[in-house]
Every structure is written in C-alpha cells, then in structure tokens.
C-alpha cells in the first residue's frame, strides 16, 4: 500500500477463538449453508452428517486439548494523499 502512495493508518489481525468446553457455532452455520453446499457439489448431506456434526466437532476439540482459531482476518486501513487540482 505504501508503494502505491498510501499511508497506512492502522493494521491489525483478529480471530474468533473457540475455547475448550465452549460449544462451536459451526454445526448451526453448516445447517444454514447445507442447501448451498449440496447444490454446488461441495459435499453431500451424508458426508457432512449434520445429525452427528456437533458431537464430532466436540470430540475433535477435546482430543486436540486446546483453542480452535476460527475466522482469522487481517484488517488494514490506509489514507490516500490529496490530489492536487
């Protein structure tokens, strides 16, 4: 951005953390997106198995024994120099 003549005003990273023993929102999100996932051929209902998804995620989270980092985003705000007229 600086090479383009912009001055970087702010840069930061943010993430949603799912801590141990905290329920995941992923099963709810998956249920809402399931028709589009299937329609676009990404996965079948059988592959996702929404009836057991929450339990499987909880088991995997317990087995990992740590925090899940979800939805990591980097945000940069820049300012353009005034254009002379």
C-alpha atoms as a PDB file:
ATOM      1  CA  UNK A   1       0.000   0.000   0.000  1.00  0.00           C
ATOM      2  CA  UNK A   2       2.846   2.346   0.817  1.00  0.00           C
ATOM      3  CA  UNK A   3       4.397   1.660  -2.601  1.00  0.00           C
ATOM      4  CA  UNK A   4       1.166   2.991  -4.104  1.00  0.00           C
ATOM      5  CA  UNK A   5       1.491   6.247  -2.169  1.00  0.00           C
ATOM      6  CA  UNK A   6      -0.922   5.364   0.609  1.00  0.00           C
ATOM      7  CA  UNK A   7      -0.108   5.938   4.259  1.00  0.00           C
ATOM      8  CA  UNK A   8      -1.063   3.000   6.458  1.00  0.00           C
ATOM      9  CA  UNK A   9      -3.163   4.323   9.331  1.00  0.00           C
ATOM     10  CA  UNK A  10      -3.897   1.044  11.067  1.00  0.00           C
ATOM     11  CA  UNK A  11      -3.113  -2.650  10.665  1.00  0.00           C
ATOM     12  CA  UNK A  12      -4.335  -5.460  12.882  1.00  0.00           C
ATOM     13  CA  UNK A  13      -5.327  -9.089  12.950  1.00  0.00           C
ATOM     14  CA  UNK A  14      -8.444 -10.501  14.574  1.00  0.00           C
ATOM     15  CA  UNK A  15      -9.626 -14.042  15.174  1.00  0.00           C
ATOM     16  CA  UNK A  16     -12.576 -15.800  16.696  1.00  0.00           C
ATOM     17  CA  UNK A  17     -11.315 -18.275  19.290  1.00  0.00           C
ATOM     18  CA  UNK A  18     -13.317 -21.300  20.378  1.00  0.00           C
ATOM     19  CA  UNK A  19     -12.031 -22.218  23.816  1.00  0.00           C
ATOM     20  CA  UNK A  20     -12.133 -25.718  25.333  1.00  0.00           C
ATOM     21  CA  UNK A  21     -15.620 -26.630  26.615  1.00  0.00           C
ATOM     22  CA  UNK A  22     -17.142 -23.804  24.546  1.00  0.00           C
ATOM     23  CA  UNK A  23     -19.711 -25.041  22.025  1.00  0.00           C
ATOM     24  CA  UNK A  24     -18.898 -24.495  18.368  1.00  0.00           C
ATOM     25  CA  UNK A  25     -21.233 -22.470  16.164  1.00  0.00           C
ATOM     26  CA  UNK A  26     -20.070 -24.478  13.143  1.00  0.00           C
ATOM     27  CA  UNK A  27     -22.950 -27.022  13.219  1.00  0.00           C
ATOM     28  CA  UNK A  28     -25.507 -24.186  13.164  1.00  0.00           C
ATOM     29  CA  UNK A  29     -23.637 -22.402  10.373  1.00  0.00           C
ATOM     30  CA  UNK A  30     -23.330 -25.649   8.419  1.00  0.00           C
ATOM     31  CA  UNK A  31     -27.055 -26.353   8.779  1.00  0.00           C
ATOM     32  CA  UNK A  32     -27.852 -22.904   7.372  1.00  0.00           C
ATOM     33  CA  UNK A  33     -25.433 -23.377   4.467  1.00  0.00           C
ATOM     34  CA  UNK A  34     -26.203 -27.055   3.805  1.00  0.00           C
ATOM     35  CA  UNK A  35     -28.521 -26.493   0.814  1.00  0.00           C
ATOM     36  CA  UNK A  36     -25.858 -24.366  -0.945  1.00  0.00           C
ATOM     37  CA  UNK A  37     -23.065 -26.799  -0.054  1.00  0.00           C
ATOM     38  CA  UNK A  38     -25.008 -29.693  -1.602  1.00  0.00           C
ATOM     39  CA  UNK A  39     -26.280 -27.638  -4.571  1.00  0.00           C
ATOM     40  CA  UNK A  40     -22.742 -26.637  -5.541  1.00  0.00           C
ATOM     41  CA  UNK A  41     -21.444 -30.187  -5.204  1.00  0.00           C
ATOM     42  CA  UNK A  42     -19.007 -29.407  -2.383  1.00  0.00           C
ATOM     43  CA  UNK A  43     -20.269 -32.253  -0.193  1.00  0.00           C
ATOM     44  CA  UNK A  44     -23.305 -34.461   0.232  1.00  0.00           C
ATOM     45  CA  UNK A  45     -25.600 -34.498   3.248  1.00  0.00           C
ATOM     46  CA  UNK A  46     -24.251 -37.967   4.042  1.00  0.00           C
ATOM     47  CA  UNK A  47     -20.652 -36.716   4.024  1.00  0.00           C
ATOM     48  CA  UNK A  48     -21.463 -33.856   6.393  1.00  0.00           C
ATOM     49  CA  UNK A  49     -23.870 -35.917   8.527  1.00  0.00           C
ATOM     50  CA  UNK A  50     -25.430 -32.895  10.268  1.00  0.00           C
ATOM     51  CA  UNK A  51     -27.079 -35.086  12.931  1.00  0.00           C
ATOM     52  CA  UNK A  52     -23.680 -36.002  14.406  1.00  0.00           C
ATOM     53  CA  UNK A  53     -21.621 -32.964  13.362  1.00  0.00           C
ATOM     54  CA  UNK A  54     -21.751 -31.141  16.717  1.00  0.00           C
ATOM     55  CA  UNK A  55     -20.697 -34.282  18.604  1.00  0.00           C
ATOM     56  CA  UNK A  56     -17.832 -34.987  16.186  1.00  0.00           C
ATOM     57  CA  UNK A  57     -16.551 -31.418  16.444  1.00  0.00           C
ATOM     58  CA  UNK A  58     -16.707 -31.581  20.260  1.00  0.00           C
ATOM     59  CA  UNK A  59     -14.773 -34.874  20.251  1.00  0.00           C
ATOM     60  CA  UNK A  60     -12.099 -33.456  17.962  1.00  0.00           C
ATOM     61  CA  UNK A  61     -11.845 -30.300  20.072  1.00  0.00           C
ATOM     62  CA  UNK A  62     -11.398 -32.369  23.261  1.00  0.00           C
ATOM     63  CA  UNK A  63      -8.794 -34.573  21.566  1.00  0.00           C
ATOM     64  CA  UNK A  64      -6.815 -31.508  20.456  1.00  0.00           C
ATOM     65  CA  UNK A  65      -6.963 -30.174  24.005  1.00  0.00           C
ATOM     66  CA  UNK A  66      -6.668 -26.542  23.020  1.00  0.00           C
ATOM     67  CA  UNK A  67      -8.188 -23.499  21.412  1.00  0.00           C
ATOM     68  CA  UNK A  68      -9.571 -23.562  17.876  1.00  0.00           C
ATOM     69  CA  UNK A  69      -8.636 -20.461  15.880  1.00  0.00           C
ATOM     70  CA  UNK A  70     -11.563 -19.639  13.638  1.00  0.00           C
ATOM     71  CA  UNK A  71     -12.078 -16.916  11.055  1.00  0.00           C
ATOM     72  CA  UNK A  72      -8.705 -15.185  11.119  1.00  0.00           C
ATOM     73  CA  UNK A  73      -8.889 -11.768   9.460  1.00  0.00           C
ATOM     74  CA  UNK A  74      -6.300  -9.096   8.748  1.00  0.00           C
ATOM     75  CA  UNK A  75      -7.505  -5.524   8.508  1.00  0.00           C
ATOM     76  CA  UNK A  76      -5.561  -2.610   7.043  1.00  0.00           C
ATOM     77  CA  UNK A  77      -6.743   0.985   6.796  1.00  0.00           C
ATOM     78  CA  UNK A  78      -4.837   3.446   4.627  1.00  0.00           C
ATOM     79  CA  UNK A  79      -5.169   7.053   3.586  1.00  0.00           C
ATOM     80  CA  UNK A  80      -4.564   8.411   0.090  1.00  0.00           C
ATOM     81  CA  UNK A  81      -2.641  11.628  -0.340  1.00  0.00           C
ATOM     82  CA  UNK A  82      -4.752  14.575  -1.508  1.00  0.00           C
ATOM     83  CA  UNK A  83      -4.730  15.047  -5.276  1.00  0.00           C
ATOM     84  CA  UNK A  84      -3.633  18.499  -6.432  1.00  0.00           C
ATOM     85  CA  UNK A  85      -6.184  20.156  -8.680  1.00  0.00           C
END
